[in-house]
C-alpha atoms as a PDB file:
ATOM      1  CA  MET A   1     -66.884 -37.582 -21.935  1.00  0.00           C
ATOM      2  CA  SER A   2     -66.154 -34.493 -23.958  1.00  0.00           C
ATOM      3  CA  ALA A   3     -65.159 -34.616 -27.598  1.00  0.00           C
ATOM      4  CA  ARG A   4     -61.521 -33.544 -26.556  1.00  0.00           C
ATOM      5  CA  HIS A   5     -61.336 -36.375 -24.199  1.00  0.00           C
ATOM      6  CA  ALA A   6     -62.762 -38.847 -26.488  1.00  0.00           C
ATOM      7  CA  ASP A   7     -60.302 -37.774 -29.164  1.00  0.00           C
ATOM      8  CA  ALA A   8     -57.429 -38.212 -26.712  1.00  0.00           C
ATOM      9  CA  MET A   9     -58.527 -41.553 -25.664  1.00  0.00           C
ATOM     10  CA  ALA A  10     -58.879 -42.770 -29.161  1.00  0.00           C
ATOM     11  CA  GLY A  11     -55.511 -41.423 -30.437  1.00  0.00           C
ATOM     12  CA  LEU A  12     -53.282 -41.836 -27.477  1.00  0.00           C
ATOM     13  CA  TRP A  13     -54.638 -44.693 -25.349  1.00  0.00           C
ATOM     14  CA  PRO A  14     -53.009 -47.464 -27.496  1.00  0.00           C
ATOM     15  CA  SER A  15     -49.719 -45.837 -27.004  1.00  0.00           C
ATOM     16  CA  TYR A  16     -49.790 -44.447 -23.548  1.00  0.00           C
ATOM     17  CA  GLY A  17     -52.451 -46.384 -21.796  1.00  0.00           C
ATOM     18  CA  LEU A  18     -52.581 -49.392 -19.546  1.00  0.00           C
ATOM     19  CA  THR A  19     -55.683 -51.348 -18.362  1.00  0.00           C
ATOM     20  CA  VAL A  20     -55.185 -52.759 -14.839  1.00  0.00           C
ATOM     21  CA  VAL A  21     -57.001 -56.122 -14.558  1.00  0.00           C
ATOM     22  CA  ASP A  22     -57.998 -57.261 -11.033  1.00  0.00           C
ATOM     23  CA  GLY A  23     -55.936 -60.513 -10.088  1.00  0.00           C
ATOM     24  CA  ASP A  24     -53.326 -60.046 -12.868  1.00  0.00           C
ATOM     25  CA  ARG A  25     -49.933 -60.549 -11.280  1.00  0.00           C
ATOM     26  CA  THR A  26     -47.875 -60.475 -14.524  1.00  0.00           C
ATOM     27  CA  PRO A  27     -44.881 -58.361 -13.599  1.00  0.00           C
ATOM     28  CA  LEU A  28     -44.867 -55.041 -15.317  1.00  0.00           C
ATOM     29  CA  ASP A  29     -41.756 -54.263 -17.242  1.00  0.00           C
ATOM     30  CA  LEU A  30     -41.437 -50.463 -16.731  1.00  0.00           C
ATOM     31  CA  ASP A  31     -38.480 -50.017 -19.113  1.00  0.00           C
ATOM     32  CA  ARG A  32     -40.391 -51.517 -21.777  1.00  0.00           C
ATOM     33  CA  LEU A  33     -43.668 -49.601 -21.052  1.00  0.00           C
ATOM     34  CA  PHE A  34     -41.637 -46.190 -21.187  1.00  0.00           C
ATOM     35  CA  GLY A  35     -38.993 -47.256 -23.714  1.00  0.00           C
ATOM     36  CA  ARG A  36     -36.190 -46.193 -21.588  1.00  0.00           C
ATOM     37  CA  VAL A  37     -34.392 -46.608 -18.352  1.00  0.00           C
ATOM     38  CA  ALA A  38     -35.157 -43.749 -15.843  1.00  0.00           C
ATOM     39  CA  PRO A  39     -36.384 -43.030 -12.342  1.00  0.00           C
ATOM     40  CA  ARG A  40     -40.001 -43.658 -11.920  1.00  0.00           C
ATOM     41  CA  VAL A  41     -42.842 -41.879 -10.062  1.00  0.00           C
ATOM     42  CA  LEU A  42     -46.311 -43.650  -9.204  1.00  0.00           C
ATOM     43  CA  GLU A  43     -49.133 -40.983  -9.062  1.00  0.00           C
ATOM     44  CA  ILE A  44     -52.064 -42.766  -7.282  1.00  0.00           C
ATOM     45  CA  GLY A  45     -55.598 -40.989  -8.040  1.00  0.00           C
ATOM     46  CA  PHE A  46     -54.597 -38.043 -10.215  1.00  0.00           C
ATOM     47  CA  GLY A  47     -58.048 -36.715 -10.609  1.00  0.00           C
ATOM     48  CA  MET A  48     -58.147 -34.680 -13.884  1.00  0.00           C
ATOM     49  CA  GLY A  49     -54.370 -35.025 -14.361  1.00  0.00           C
ATOM     50  CA  ASP A  50     -53.502 -31.241 -14.334  1.00  0.00           C
ATOM     51  CA  ALA A  51     -50.938 -31.587 -11.525  1.00  0.00           C
ATOM     52  CA  THR A  52     -49.359 -34.745 -12.939  1.00  0.00           C
ATOM     53  CA  ALA A  53     -49.036 -33.221 -16.394  1.00  0.00           C
ATOM     54  CA  ALA A  54     -47.336 -30.078 -14.697  1.00  0.00           C
ATOM     55  CA  MET A  55     -44.943 -32.117 -12.614  1.00  0.00           C
ATOM     56  CA  ALA A  56     -44.089 -34.380 -15.784  1.00  0.00           C
ATOM     57  CA  ALA A  57     -43.471 -31.475 -17.836  1.00  0.00           C
ATOM     58  CA  ALA A  58     -41.094 -29.844 -15.351  1.00  0.00           C
ATOM     59  CA  ASP A  59     -39.367 -33.212 -14.740  1.00  0.00           C
ATOM     60  CA  PRO A  60     -38.495 -34.804 -18.060  1.00  0.00           C
ATOM     61  CA  ASP A  61     -35.677 -36.980 -16.556  1.00  0.00           C
ATOM     62  CA  ARG A  62     -38.269 -39.135 -14.650  1.00  0.00           C
ATOM     63  CA  ASP A  63     -41.133 -41.043 -15.858  1.00  0.00           C
ATOM     64  CA  TYR A  64     -44.519 -40.856 -14.423  1.00  0.00           C
ATOM     65  CA  LEU A  65     -47.071 -43.672 -14.111  1.00  0.00           C
ATOM     66  CA  ALA A  66     -50.468 -42.280 -13.168  1.00  0.00           C
ATOM     67  CA  VAL A  67     -53.296 -44.502 -12.174  1.00  0.00           C
ATOM     68  CA  GLU A  68     -56.938 -43.514 -11.855  1.00  0.00           C
ATOM     69  CA  VAL A  69     -60.312 -45.086 -11.823  1.00  0.00           C
ATOM     70  CA  HIS A  70     -62.433 -42.313 -13.431  1.00  0.00           C
ATOM     71  CA  THR A  71     -62.519 -42.173 -17.102  1.00  0.00           C
ATOM     72  CA  PRO A  72     -63.119 -38.334 -17.486  1.00  0.00           C
ATOM     73  CA  GLY A  73     -59.650 -37.826 -15.735  1.00  0.00           C
ATOM     74  CA  ILE A  74     -58.058 -40.181 -17.854  1.00  0.00           C
ATOM     75  CA  GLY A  75     -59.264 -38.734 -20.879  1.00  0.00           C
ATOM     76  CA  ASN A  76     -58.108 -35.229 -19.698  1.00  0.00           C
ATOM     77  CA  LEU A  77     -54.527 -36.451 -18.826  1.00  0.00           C
ATOM     78  CA  LEU A  78     -54.313 -38.047 -22.304  1.00  0.00           C
ATOM     79  CA  ALA A  79     -55.365 -34.651 -23.813  1.00  0.00           C
ATOM     80  CA  LEU A  80     -52.784 -32.968 -21.837  1.00  0.00           C
ATOM     81  CA  VAL A  81     -50.164 -35.520 -22.781  1.00  0.00           C
ATOM     82  CA  GLY A  82     -50.829 -34.824 -26.433  1.00  0.00           C
ATOM     83  CA  GLU A  83     -51.169 -31.054 -26.084  1.00  0.00           C
ATOM     84  CA  HIS A  84     -47.824 -30.700 -24.209  1.00  0.00           C
ATOM     85  CA  GLY A  85     -45.831 -33.479 -26.097  1.00  0.00           C
ATOM     86  CA  LEU A  86     -45.315 -35.349 -22.946  1.00  0.00           C
ATOM     87  CA  THR A  87     -43.291 -38.663 -23.615  1.00  0.00           C
ATOM     88  CA  ASN A  88     -42.616 -39.410 -19.933  1.00  0.00           C
ATOM     89  CA  VAL A  89     -46.259 -40.305 -18.849  1.00  0.00           C
ATOM     90  CA  ARG A  90     -48.069 -43.506 -18.957  1.00  0.00           C
ATOM     91  CA  VAL A  91     -51.813 -43.774 -17.932  1.00  0.00           C
ATOM     92  CA  ALA A  92     -53.177 -46.673 -15.988  1.00  0.00           C
ATOM     93  CA  HIS A  93     -57.007 -47.227 -15.531  1.00  0.00           C
ATOM     94  CA  GLY A  94     -57.994 -49.258 -12.700  1.00  0.00           C
ATOM     95  CA  ASP A  95     -57.206 -50.144  -9.041  1.00  0.00           C
ATOM     96  CA  ALA A  96     -54.030 -48.617  -7.871  1.00  0.00           C
ATOM     97  CA  MET A  97     -53.007 -51.540  -5.514  1.00  0.00           C
ATOM     98  CA  GLU A  98     -53.698 -54.076  -8.171  1.00  0.00           C
ATOM     99  CA  LEU A  99     -51.171 -52.264 -10.142  1.00  0.00           C
ATOM    100  CA  VAL A 100     -48.726 -51.878  -7.237  1.00  0.00           C
ATOM    101  CA  ARG A 101     -48.758 -55.679  -6.925  1.00  0.00           C
ATOM    102  CA  ARG A 102     -47.304 -56.013 -10.467  1.00  0.00           C
ATOM    103  CA  LEU A 103     -44.381 -53.629  -9.747  1.00  0.00           C
ATOM    104  CA  ALA A 104     -40.780 -54.964  -8.880  1.00  0.00           C
ATOM    105  CA  TRP A 105     -39.685 -54.170  -5.491  1.00  0.00           C
ATOM    106  CA  GLY A 106     -37.467 -51.215  -5.178  1.00  0.00           C
ATOM    107  CA  SER A 107     -38.455 -50.029  -8.828  1.00  0.00           C
ATOM    108  CA  LEU A 108     -39.945 -46.651  -7.874  1.00  0.00           C
ATOM    109  CA  ASP A 109     -38.181 -43.361  -7.100  1.00  0.00           C
ATOM    110  CA  ALA A 110     -41.270 -41.809  -5.530  1.00  0.00           C
ATOM    111  CA  ILE A 111     -44.969 -42.395  -4.932  1.00  0.00           C
ATOM    112  CA  HIS A 112     -47.567 -39.604  -4.759  1.00  0.00           C
ATOM    113  CA  VAL A 113     -51.036 -39.983  -3.124  1.00  0.00           C
ATOM    114  CA  PHE A 114     -52.441 -36.568  -3.381  1.00  0.00           C
ATOM    115  CA  PHE A 115     -55.845 -35.887  -1.837  1.00  0.00           C
ATOM    116  CA  PRO A 116     -57.121 -39.423  -1.912  1.00  0.00           C
ATOM    117  CA  ASP A 117     -60.742 -39.969  -1.183  1.00  0.00           C
ATOM    118  CA  PRO A 118     -61.166 -39.297   2.660  1.00  0.00           C
ATOM    119  CA  TRP A 119     -64.204 -41.543   3.138  1.00  0.00           C
ATOM    120  CA  PRO A 120     -65.207 -39.306   6.082  1.00  0.00           C
ATOM    121  CA  LYS A 121     -67.775 -41.606   7.591  1.00  0.00           C
ATOM    122  CA  ALA A 122     -66.443 -43.819  10.459  1.00  0.00           C
ATOM    123  CA  ARG A 123     -67.871 -46.880   8.799  1.00  0.00           C
ATOM    124  CA  HIS A 124     -66.066 -46.245   5.575  1.00  0.00           C
ATOM    125  CA  HIS A 125     -62.648 -45.580   7.154  1.00  0.00           C
ATOM    126  CA  LYS A 126     -61.625 -49.155   5.986  1.00  0.00           C
ATOM    127  CA  ARG A 127     -61.787 -48.100   2.547  1.00  0.00           C
ATOM    128  CA  ARG A 128     -59.148 -45.403   2.883  1.00  0.00           C
ATOM    129  CA  LEU A 129     -56.059 -46.016   0.787  1.00  0.00           C
ATOM    130  CA  ILE A 130     -53.481 -45.377   3.424  1.00  0.00           C
ATOM    131  CA  GLN A 131     -53.804 -48.547   5.556  1.00  0.00           C
ATOM    132  CA  PRO A 132     -51.146 -50.548   7.046  1.00  0.00           C
ATOM    133  CA  GLY A 133     -51.244 -53.470   4.377  1.00  0.00           C
ATOM    134  CA  ASN A 134     -51.367 -50.988   1.561  1.00  0.00           C
ATOM    135  CA  VAL A 135     -48.443 -48.825   3.031  1.00  0.00           C
ATOM    136  CA  ARG A 136     -46.312 -52.065   3.335  1.00  0.00           C
ATOM    137  CA  LEU A 137     -46.772 -52.724  -0.384  1.00  0.00           C
ATOM    138  CA  LEU A 138     -45.977 -49.072  -1.243  1.00  0.00           C
ATOM    139  CA  ARG A 139     -42.731 -49.266   0.810  1.00  0.00           C
ATOM    140  CA  GLN A 140     -41.593 -52.435  -0.923  1.00  0.00           C
ATOM    141  CA  VAL A 141     -42.058 -50.976  -4.327  1.00  0.00           C
ATOM    142  CA  LEU A 142     -39.985 -48.018  -3.461  1.00  0.00           C
ATOM    143  CA  ARG A 143     -36.179 -47.923  -3.738  1.00  0.00           C
ATOM    144  CA  VAL A 144     -34.106 -47.334  -0.567  1.00  0.00           C
ATOM    145  CA  GLY A 145     -34.123 -43.487  -0.365  1.00  0.00           C
ATOM    146  CA  GLY A 146     -37.409 -43.247  -2.336  1.00  0.00           C
ATOM    147  CA  VAL A 147     -40.021 -40.914  -0.994  1.00  0.00           C
ATOM    148  CA  LEU A 148     -43.890 -41.698  -0.265  1.00  0.00           C
ATOM    149  CA  HIS A 149     -45.533 -38.255  -0.511  1.00  0.00           C
ATOM    150  CA  CYS A 150     -49.164 -38.040   0.822  1.00  0.00           C
ATOM    151  CA  ALA A 151     -51.413 -34.994   1.026  1.00  0.00           C
ATOM    152  CA  THR A 152     -54.932 -34.441   2.357  1.00  0.00           C
ATOM    153  CA  ASP A 153     -57.194 -31.641   3.537  1.00  0.00           C
ATOM    154  CA  TRP A 154     -58.964 -33.751   6.080  1.00  0.00           C
ATOM    155  CA  PRO A 155     -57.320 -33.388   9.529  1.00  0.00           C
ATOM    156  CA  HIS A 156     -58.428 -36.824  10.889  1.00  0.00           C
ATOM    157  CA  TYR A 157     -57.240 -38.592   7.934  1.00  0.00           C
ATOM    158  CA  ALA A 158     -53.984 -36.604   8.077  1.00  0.00           C
ATOM    159  CA  GLU A 159     -53.758 -38.010  11.708  1.00  0.00           C
ATOM    160  CA  GLN A 160     -54.526 -41.502  10.555  1.00  0.00           C
ATOM    161  CA  MET A 161     -51.949 -41.153   7.626  1.00  0.00           C
ATOM    162  CA  ALA A 162     -49.207 -39.855   9.874  1.00  0.00           C
ATOM    163  CA  ALA A 163     -49.804 -42.696  12.582  1.00  0.00           C
ATOM    164  CA  THR A 164     -49.808 -45.524   9.807  1.00  0.00           C
ATOM    165  CA  LEU A 165     -46.868 -44.145   7.904  1.00  0.00           C
ATOM    166  CA  ALA A 166     -44.702 -43.750  11.083  1.00  0.00           C
ATOM    167  CA  ALA A 167     -45.606 -47.272  12.186  1.00  0.00           C
ATOM    168  CA  GLU A 168     -44.265 -48.962   9.155  1.00  0.00           C
ATOM    169  CA  PRO A 169     -40.729 -50.283   9.609  1.00  0.00           C
ATOM    170  CA  GLY A 170     -38.402 -48.944   7.125  1.00  0.00           C
ATOM    171  CA  LEU A 171     -40.126 -45.624   6.645  1.00  0.00           C
ATOM    172  CA  ALA A 172     -38.874 -42.408   8.286  1.00  0.00           C
ATOM    173  CA  PRO A 173     -40.156 -38.745   8.144  1.00  0.00           C
ATOM    174  CA  ALA A 174     -38.651 -36.852   5.291  1.00  0.00           C
ATOM    175  CA  GLY A 175     -40.227 -33.436   6.083  1.00  0.00           C
ATOM    176  CA  ALA A 176     -43.649 -31.993   5.408  1.00  0.00           C
ATOM    177  CA  ALA A 177     -43.062 -29.498   2.759  1.00  0.00           C
ATOM    178  CA  ALA A 178     -45.000 -29.430  -0.391  1.00  0.00           C
ATOM    179  CA  ALA A 179     -42.220 -28.118  -2.498  1.00  0.00           C
ATOM    180  CA  GLY A 180     -42.563 -29.093  -6.022  1.00  0.00           C
ATOM    181  CA  ARG A 181     -46.073 -30.142  -5.748  1.00  0.00           C
ATOM    182  CA  PRO A 182     -48.521 -28.080  -7.918  1.00  0.00           C
ATOM    183  CA  GLU A 183     -51.860 -27.150  -6.374  1.00  0.00           C
ATOM    184  CA  THR A 184     -54.604 -29.566  -7.190  1.00  0.00           C
ATOM    185  CA  LYS A 185     -58.405 -29.035  -7.903  1.00  0.00           C
ATOM    186  CA  PHE A 186     -59.035 -31.102  -4.557  1.00  0.00           C
ATOM    187  CA  GLU A 187     -56.727 -28.777  -2.719  1.00  0.00           C
ATOM    188  CA  ARG A 188     -58.211 -25.663  -3.763  1.00  0.00           C
ATOM    189  CA  ARG A 189     -61.729 -26.988  -2.804  1.00  0.00           C
ATOM    190  CA  GLY A 190     -60.367 -27.810   0.617  1.00  0.00           C
ATOM    191  CA  VAL A 191     -58.789 -24.378   1.092  1.00  0.00           C
ATOM    192  CA  ARG A 192     -62.190 -22.869   0.008  1.00  0.00           C
ATOM    193  CA  ALA A 193     -63.869 -24.879   2.697  1.00  0.00           C
ATOM    194  CA  GLY A 194     -61.386 -23.823   5.261  1.00  0.00           C
ATOM    195  CA  ARG A 195     -59.643 -26.992   5.755  1.00  0.00           C
ATOM    196  CA  PRO A 196     -55.964 -27.258   6.413  1.00  0.00           C
ATOM    197  CA  ILE A 197     -53.578 -28.917   4.058  1.00  0.00           C
ATOM    198  CA  ALA A 198     -51.340 -31.562   5.494  1.00  0.00           C
ATOM    199  CA  ASP A 199     -48.397 -32.862   3.306  1.00  0.00           C
ATOM    200  CA  LEU A 200     -46.568 -35.941   4.766  1.00  0.00           C
ATOM    201  CA  MET A 201     -43.356 -37.155   3.289  1.00  0.00           C
ATOM    202  CA  PHE A 202     -41.734 -40.449   4.425  1.00  0.00           C
ATOM    203  CA  ARG A 203     -38.430 -41.972   2.958  1.00  0.00           C
ATOM    204  CA  ARG A 204     -37.678 -45.706   2.691  1.00  0.00           C
ATOM    205  CA  THR A 205     -34.546 -46.326   4.968  1.00  0.00           C
ATOM    206  CA  GLU A 206     -34.214 -50.027   4.434  1.00  0.00           C
END
């Protein structure tokens, strides 16, 4: 971890950080976490956090709860939070679905799953985040009208995502535009490799 990231962790983690503990089912009070009542966005797997910081800066009326497992990305996002004075970001370290299980149903305005690990080998597909059981939980924590926005640069995963999302009762396609989504490092890598970018947006209808 760089000195910049270490300084951000030391200075900002106590106020902006949240450790996700496996098996902890204590309900997470988002109003208390953010210190206000506002629409909330869950960012799952934010990488180095550049896109998350950009979206939060452009969208100050919504709160962004960003969860990641890799500490360099957490340090970088916290550094960006400090450098840009972002008060509407909280950073969680740990398993995203463990965090989701602590959220109240209908508590989120949107969920972003941008370029999750594709686990390209067939024997690893069961590790992919977008699976029926996980999608059911994600739908439940969205408010009616809330949007689940997924993006990937792996065509096979895009097909699986589309089929899984379409099969979930209470979700309906909400278009496939990437409007308002900053380009991510993983997206640029996919473009350089010649892989197509797929954005899948589904809205909770019930």
